[in-house]
């Protein structure tokens, strides 16, 4: 996969990096709000005709929440990549827009 020179790179990150970063319900709610706003901002920039490559490095609960806040009728499809030791990043899951299968493992 190559990245276009004019590509937008979106990132949700934290200053704190540890296994138990989501410790309270409030932390989880804050992540949900940020993920929702990020998808809204991507949608507002009219980036719905492309598949977004996603390289998650999140606790499982956050990954599930990303799937919950995503709106298949309005927001772009995305390809989820996983890092495999000897293969590098490999497309693992394709999440498509309305009218197509929602989840398809590759």
N, C-alpha and C. Protein backbone atom coordinates (compact mmCIF):
# COMPACT_ATOMS: atom_id res chain seq x y z
N UNK A 1 0.84 -1.16 0.00
CA UNK A 1 0.00 0.00 0.00
C UNK A 1 0.89 1.23 0.00
N UNK A 2 0.56 2.17 -0.84
CA UNK A 2 1.29 3.43 -0.86
C UNK A 2 0.37 4.55 -0.38
N UNK A 3 0.96 5.59 0.15
CA UNK A 3 0.19 6.72 0.64
C UNK A 3 0.36 7.88 -0.34
N UNK A 4 -0.75 8.43 -0.77
CA UNK A 4 -0.72 9.58 -1.66
C UNK A 4 -0.04 10.76 -0.96
N UNK A 5 0.56 11.63 -1.73
CA UNK A 5 1.25 12.78 -1.12
C UNK A 5 0.27 13.76 -0.50
N UNK A 6 -0.97 13.78 -0.97
CA UNK A 6 -1.96 14.69 -0.40
C UNK A 6 -2.93 13.98 0.54
N UNK A 7 -2.55 12.81 1.04
CA UNK A 7 -3.41 12.02 1.92
C UNK A 7 -3.57 12.69 3.28
N UNK A 8 -4.75 12.57 3.82
CA UNK A 8 -5.00 13.04 5.19
C UNK A 8 -4.77 11.87 6.13
N UNK A 9 -4.04 12.12 7.19
CA UNK A 9 -3.80 11.08 8.19
C UNK A 9 -4.50 11.50 9.47
N UNK A 10 -5.41 10.65 9.94
CA UNK A 10 -6.19 10.91 11.14
C UNK A 10 -5.67 10.01 12.24
N UNK A 11 -5.58 10.55 13.43
CA UNK A 11 -5.05 9.77 14.55
C UNK A 11 -5.82 10.10 15.82
N UNK A 12 -6.18 9.07 16.54
CA UNK A 12 -6.72 9.22 17.88
C UNK A 12 -5.67 8.64 18.80
N UNK A 13 -5.12 9.44 19.68
CA UNK A 13 -4.04 8.95 20.53
C UNK A 13 -4.17 9.52 21.93
N UNK A 14 -3.32 9.05 22.79
CA UNK A 14 -3.30 9.47 24.18
C UNK A 14 -1.87 9.78 24.59
N UNK A 15 -1.72 10.69 25.53
CA UNK A 15 -0.40 10.97 26.07
C UNK A 15 0.08 9.83 26.97
N UNK A 16 -0.86 9.06 27.48
CA UNK A 16 -0.55 7.95 28.37
C UNK A 16 -0.58 6.65 27.56
N UNK A 17 0.46 5.85 27.69
CA UNK A 17 0.53 4.59 26.98
C UNK A 17 0.76 3.46 27.99
N UNK A 18 -0.31 2.71 28.25
CA UNK A 18 -0.21 1.57 29.15
C UNK A 18 -1.37 0.63 28.84
N UNK A 19 -1.27 -0.57 29.32
CA UNK A 19 -2.27 -1.59 29.02
C UNK A 19 -3.65 -1.23 29.57
N UNK A 20 -3.70 -0.62 30.72
CA UNK A 20 -5.01 -0.33 31.34
C UNK A 20 -5.36 1.16 31.21
N UNK A 21 -5.27 1.67 30.00
CA UNK A 21 -5.53 3.09 29.78
C UNK A 21 -7.01 3.43 30.02
N UNK A 22 -7.91 2.51 29.72
CA UNK A 22 -9.34 2.71 29.98
C UNK A 22 -9.62 2.12 31.35
N UNK A 23 -9.66 2.98 32.34
CA UNK A 23 -9.79 2.50 33.72
C UNK A 23 -11.18 2.75 34.31
N UNK A 24 -11.84 3.78 33.81
CA UNK A 24 -13.15 4.14 34.36
C UNK A 24 -14.17 4.28 33.23
N UNK A 25 -15.43 4.23 33.58
CA UNK A 25 -16.49 4.41 32.59
C UNK A 25 -16.34 5.77 31.88
N UNK A 26 -15.90 6.77 32.61
CA UNK A 26 -15.71 8.09 32.02
C UNK A 26 -14.64 8.10 30.94
N UNK A 27 -13.58 7.30 31.12
CA UNK A 27 -12.53 7.17 30.10
C UNK A 27 -13.11 6.58 28.82
N UNK A 28 -13.91 5.56 29.00
CA UNK A 28 -14.53 4.88 27.86
C UNK A 28 -15.49 5.82 27.13
N UNK A 29 -16.29 6.56 27.88
CA UNK A 29 -17.23 7.50 27.29
C UNK A 29 -16.49 8.58 26.51
N UNK A 30 -15.39 9.06 27.04
CA UNK A 30 -14.58 10.09 26.37
C UNK A 30 -14.02 9.54 25.05
N UNK A 31 -13.53 8.31 25.07
CA UNK A 31 -13.04 7.71 23.83
C UNK A 31 -14.15 7.61 22.80
N UNK A 32 -15.33 7.18 23.23
CA UNK A 32 -16.48 7.07 22.32
C UNK A 32 -16.80 8.41 21.66
N UNK A 33 -16.80 9.48 22.45
CA UNK A 33 -17.09 10.81 21.91
C UNK A 33 -16.03 11.23 20.89
N UNK A 34 -14.77 10.98 21.20
CA UNK A 34 -13.68 11.35 20.29
C UNK A 34 -13.77 10.55 18.99
N UNK A 35 -14.01 9.25 19.09
CA UNK A 35 -14.13 8.42 17.89
C UNK A 35 -15.30 8.89 17.03
N UNK A 36 -16.42 9.20 17.66
CA UNK A 36 -17.60 9.68 16.93
C UNK A 36 -17.31 11.00 16.22
N UNK A 37 -16.66 11.93 16.92
CA UNK A 37 -16.31 13.22 16.31
C UNK A 37 -15.32 13.05 15.16
N UNK A 38 -14.40 12.11 15.30
CA UNK A 38 -13.43 11.86 14.23
C UNK A 38 -14.13 11.37 12.97
N UNK A 39 -15.03 10.40 13.10
CA UNK A 39 -15.79 9.94 11.94
C UNK A 39 -16.63 11.07 11.35
N UNK A 40 -17.23 11.89 12.19
CA UNK A 40 -18.01 13.03 11.70
C UNK A 40 -17.14 13.99 10.90
N UNK A 41 -15.95 14.26 11.39
CA UNK A 41 -15.06 15.19 10.69
C UNK A 41 -14.61 14.62 9.34
N UNK A 42 -14.33 13.34 9.30
CA UNK A 42 -13.98 12.71 8.02
C UNK A 42 -15.16 12.82 7.06
N UNK A 43 -16.35 12.56 7.55
CA UNK A 43 -17.56 12.67 6.73
C UNK A 43 -17.76 14.11 6.26
N UNK A 44 -17.54 15.09 7.13
CA UNK A 44 -17.71 16.50 6.76
C UNK A 44 -16.76 16.94 5.67
N UNK A 45 -15.64 16.27 5.56
CA UNK A 45 -14.66 16.58 4.50
C UNK A 45 -14.97 15.83 3.22
N UNK A 46 -16.12 15.19 3.19
CA UNK A 46 -16.60 14.48 2.00
C UNK A 46 -15.66 13.36 1.55
N UNK A 47 -15.14 12.65 2.51
CA UNK A 47 -14.24 11.54 2.20
C UNK A 47 -15.05 10.24 2.32
N UNK A 48 -16.10 10.11 1.52
CA UNK A 48 -16.95 8.92 1.62
C UNK A 48 -16.81 8.01 0.41
N UNK A 49 -16.07 8.43 -0.60
CA UNK A 49 -15.96 7.61 -1.80
C UNK A 49 -14.67 6.78 -1.83
N UNK A 50 -14.00 6.68 -0.70
CA UNK A 50 -12.77 5.88 -0.61
C UNK A 50 -12.87 4.93 0.58
N UNK A 51 -12.08 3.89 0.54
CA UNK A 51 -11.96 3.01 1.70
C UNK A 51 -10.82 3.52 2.56
N UNK A 52 -11.08 3.71 3.82
CA UNK A 52 -10.05 4.20 4.73
C UNK A 52 -9.24 3.03 5.29
N UNK A 53 -7.93 3.06 5.16
CA UNK A 53 -7.13 2.04 5.83
C UNK A 53 -6.99 2.40 7.31
N UNK A 54 -7.25 1.44 8.19
CA UNK A 54 -7.20 1.68 9.64
C UNK A 54 -6.17 0.72 10.24
N UNK A 55 -5.27 1.30 11.04
CA UNK A 55 -4.22 0.52 11.70
C UNK A 55 -4.40 0.69 13.20
N UNK A 56 -5.30 -0.10 13.81
CA UNK A 56 -5.61 0.10 15.22
C UNK A 56 -4.54 -0.47 16.15
N UNK A 57 -4.35 0.23 17.21
CA UNK A 57 -3.52 -0.25 18.32
C UNK A 57 -4.24 0.20 19.57
N UNK A 58 -5.32 -0.51 19.87
CA UNK A 58 -6.22 -0.09 20.93
C UNK A 58 -6.61 -1.27 21.81
N UNK A 59 -7.09 -0.97 23.01
CA UNK A 59 -7.71 -2.04 23.80
C UNK A 59 -8.93 -2.58 23.03
N UNK A 60 -9.25 -3.82 23.22
CA UNK A 60 -10.36 -4.46 22.52
C UNK A 60 -11.66 -3.67 22.69
N UNK A 61 -11.93 -3.18 23.90
CA UNK A 61 -13.17 -2.43 24.12
C UNK A 61 -13.24 -1.20 23.22
N UNK A 62 -12.11 -0.55 22.98
CA UNK A 62 -12.11 0.63 22.11
C UNK A 62 -12.33 0.24 20.66
N UNK A 63 -11.75 -0.88 20.23
CA UNK A 63 -11.96 -1.34 18.86
C UNK A 63 -13.44 -1.66 18.62
N UNK A 64 -14.08 -2.30 19.58
CA UNK A 64 -15.51 -2.59 19.47
C UNK A 64 -16.31 -1.28 19.40
N UNK A 65 -15.93 -0.33 20.19
CA UNK A 65 -16.65 0.95 20.22
C UNK A 65 -16.51 1.71 18.90
N UNK A 66 -15.36 1.60 18.26
CA UNK A 66 -15.20 2.22 16.94
C UNK A 66 -16.25 1.66 15.99
N UNK A 67 -16.45 0.35 16.04
CA UNK A 67 -17.48 -0.27 15.21
C UNK A 67 -18.88 0.19 15.55
N UNK A 68 -19.12 0.50 16.79
CA UNK A 68 -20.46 0.95 17.21
C UNK A 68 -20.77 2.37 16.79
N UNK A 69 -19.77 3.26 16.79
CA UNK A 69 -20.06 4.65 16.45
C UNK A 69 -20.03 4.89 14.94
N UNK A 70 -19.46 3.96 14.19
CA UNK A 70 -19.42 4.10 12.73
C UNK A 70 -20.82 3.97 12.16
N UNK A 71 -21.19 4.86 11.23
CA UNK A 71 -22.52 4.86 10.62
C UNK A 71 -22.39 4.43 9.16
N UNK A 72 -22.79 3.19 8.84
CA UNK A 72 -22.54 2.64 7.51
C UNK A 72 -23.23 3.37 6.37
N UNK A 73 -24.30 4.06 6.62
CA UNK A 73 -24.99 4.77 5.53
C UNK A 73 -24.36 6.11 5.20
N UNK A 74 -23.59 6.65 6.10
CA UNK A 74 -23.08 8.00 5.92
C UNK A 74 -21.56 8.10 5.87
N UNK A 75 -20.89 7.15 6.46
CA UNK A 75 -19.44 7.28 6.61
C UNK A 75 -18.72 6.28 5.73
N UNK A 76 -17.47 6.56 5.40
CA UNK A 76 -16.74 5.70 4.46
C UNK A 76 -16.48 4.30 5.00
N UNK A 77 -16.30 3.38 4.07
CA UNK A 77 -15.88 2.02 4.42
C UNK A 77 -14.45 2.08 4.94
N UNK A 78 -14.05 1.04 5.67
CA UNK A 78 -12.66 1.00 6.07
C UNK A 78 -12.12 -0.41 6.11
N UNK A 79 -10.83 -0.50 5.85
CA UNK A 79 -10.10 -1.76 5.87
C UNK A 79 -9.25 -1.76 7.13
N UNK A 80 -9.41 -2.79 7.95
CA UNK A 80 -8.66 -2.88 9.19
C UNK A 80 -7.44 -3.78 8.95
N UNK A 81 -6.27 -3.26 9.26
CA UNK A 81 -5.03 -4.00 9.07
C UNK A 81 -4.50 -4.49 10.41
N UNK A 82 -3.86 -5.63 10.37
CA UNK A 82 -3.25 -6.21 11.56
C UNK A 82 -1.78 -6.46 11.24
N UNK A 83 -0.93 -6.31 12.24
CA UNK A 83 0.49 -6.54 12.02
C UNK A 83 0.82 -7.99 12.32
N UNK A 84 1.32 -8.67 11.31
CA UNK A 84 1.72 -10.06 11.42
C UNK A 84 3.25 -10.08 11.41
N UNK A 85 3.83 -10.78 12.35
CA UNK A 85 5.29 -10.75 12.57
C UNK A 85 6.10 -10.84 11.28
N UNK A 86 5.91 -11.87 10.48
CA UNK A 86 6.74 -12.05 9.30
C UNK A 86 6.17 -11.43 8.02
N UNK A 87 4.96 -10.92 8.09
CA UNK A 87 4.30 -10.41 6.88
C UNK A 87 4.12 -8.90 6.87
N UNK A 88 4.32 -8.25 7.98
CA UNK A 88 4.04 -6.81 8.06
C UNK A 88 2.56 -6.59 8.29
N UNK A 89 2.04 -5.49 7.75
CA UNK A 89 0.61 -5.19 7.92
C UNK A 89 -0.20 -5.92 6.85
N UNK A 90 -1.22 -6.64 7.31
CA UNK A 90 -2.06 -7.45 6.43
C UNK A 90 -3.51 -7.03 6.64
N UNK A 91 -4.24 -6.86 5.52
CA UNK A 91 -5.68 -6.54 5.64
C UNK A 91 -6.35 -7.71 6.33
N UNK A 92 -7.05 -7.43 7.41
CA UNK A 92 -7.66 -8.48 8.21
C UNK A 92 -9.19 -8.45 8.13
N UNK A 93 -9.74 -7.25 8.01
CA UNK A 93 -11.20 -7.10 8.04
C UNK A 93 -11.59 -5.94 7.15
N UNK A 94 -12.67 -6.12 6.39
CA UNK A 94 -13.21 -5.06 5.55
C UNK A 94 -14.59 -4.70 6.08
N UNK A 95 -14.79 -3.44 6.43
CA UNK A 95 -16.08 -2.97 6.93
C UNK A 95 -16.63 -2.03 5.87
N UNK A 96 -17.75 -2.42 5.26
CA UNK A 96 -18.26 -1.69 4.10
C UNK A 96 -19.49 -0.85 4.43
N UNK A 97 -19.80 0.05 3.52
CA UNK A 97 -20.96 0.93 3.66
C UNK A 97 -22.25 0.17 3.43
N UNK A 98 -23.38 0.87 3.61
CA UNK A 98 -24.71 0.29 3.43
C UNK A 98 -24.85 -0.28 2.02
N UNK A 99 -25.61 -1.36 1.90
CA UNK A 99 -25.84 -1.98 0.62
C UNK A 99 -24.88 -3.13 0.33
N UNK A 100 -23.90 -3.31 1.18
CA UNK A 100 -22.93 -4.40 1.01
C UNK A 100 -22.83 -5.14 2.34
N UNK A 101 -22.22 -6.31 2.35
CA UNK A 101 -22.05 -6.99 3.63
C UNK A 101 -21.31 -6.08 4.62
N UNK A 102 -21.79 -6.01 5.84
CA UNK A 102 -21.19 -5.08 6.80
C UNK A 102 -19.82 -5.54 7.23
N UNK A 103 -19.65 -6.80 7.55
CA UNK A 103 -18.34 -7.30 7.97
C UNK A 103 -17.94 -8.48 7.10
N UNK A 104 -16.74 -8.43 6.61
CA UNK A 104 -16.23 -9.53 5.80
C UNK A 104 -14.77 -9.73 6.17
N UNK A 105 -14.45 -10.83 6.74
CA UNK A 105 -13.07 -11.11 7.12
C UNK A 105 -12.31 -11.55 5.88
N UNK A 106 -11.06 -11.09 5.75
CA UNK A 106 -10.26 -11.47 4.58
C UNK A 106 -9.16 -12.41 4.98
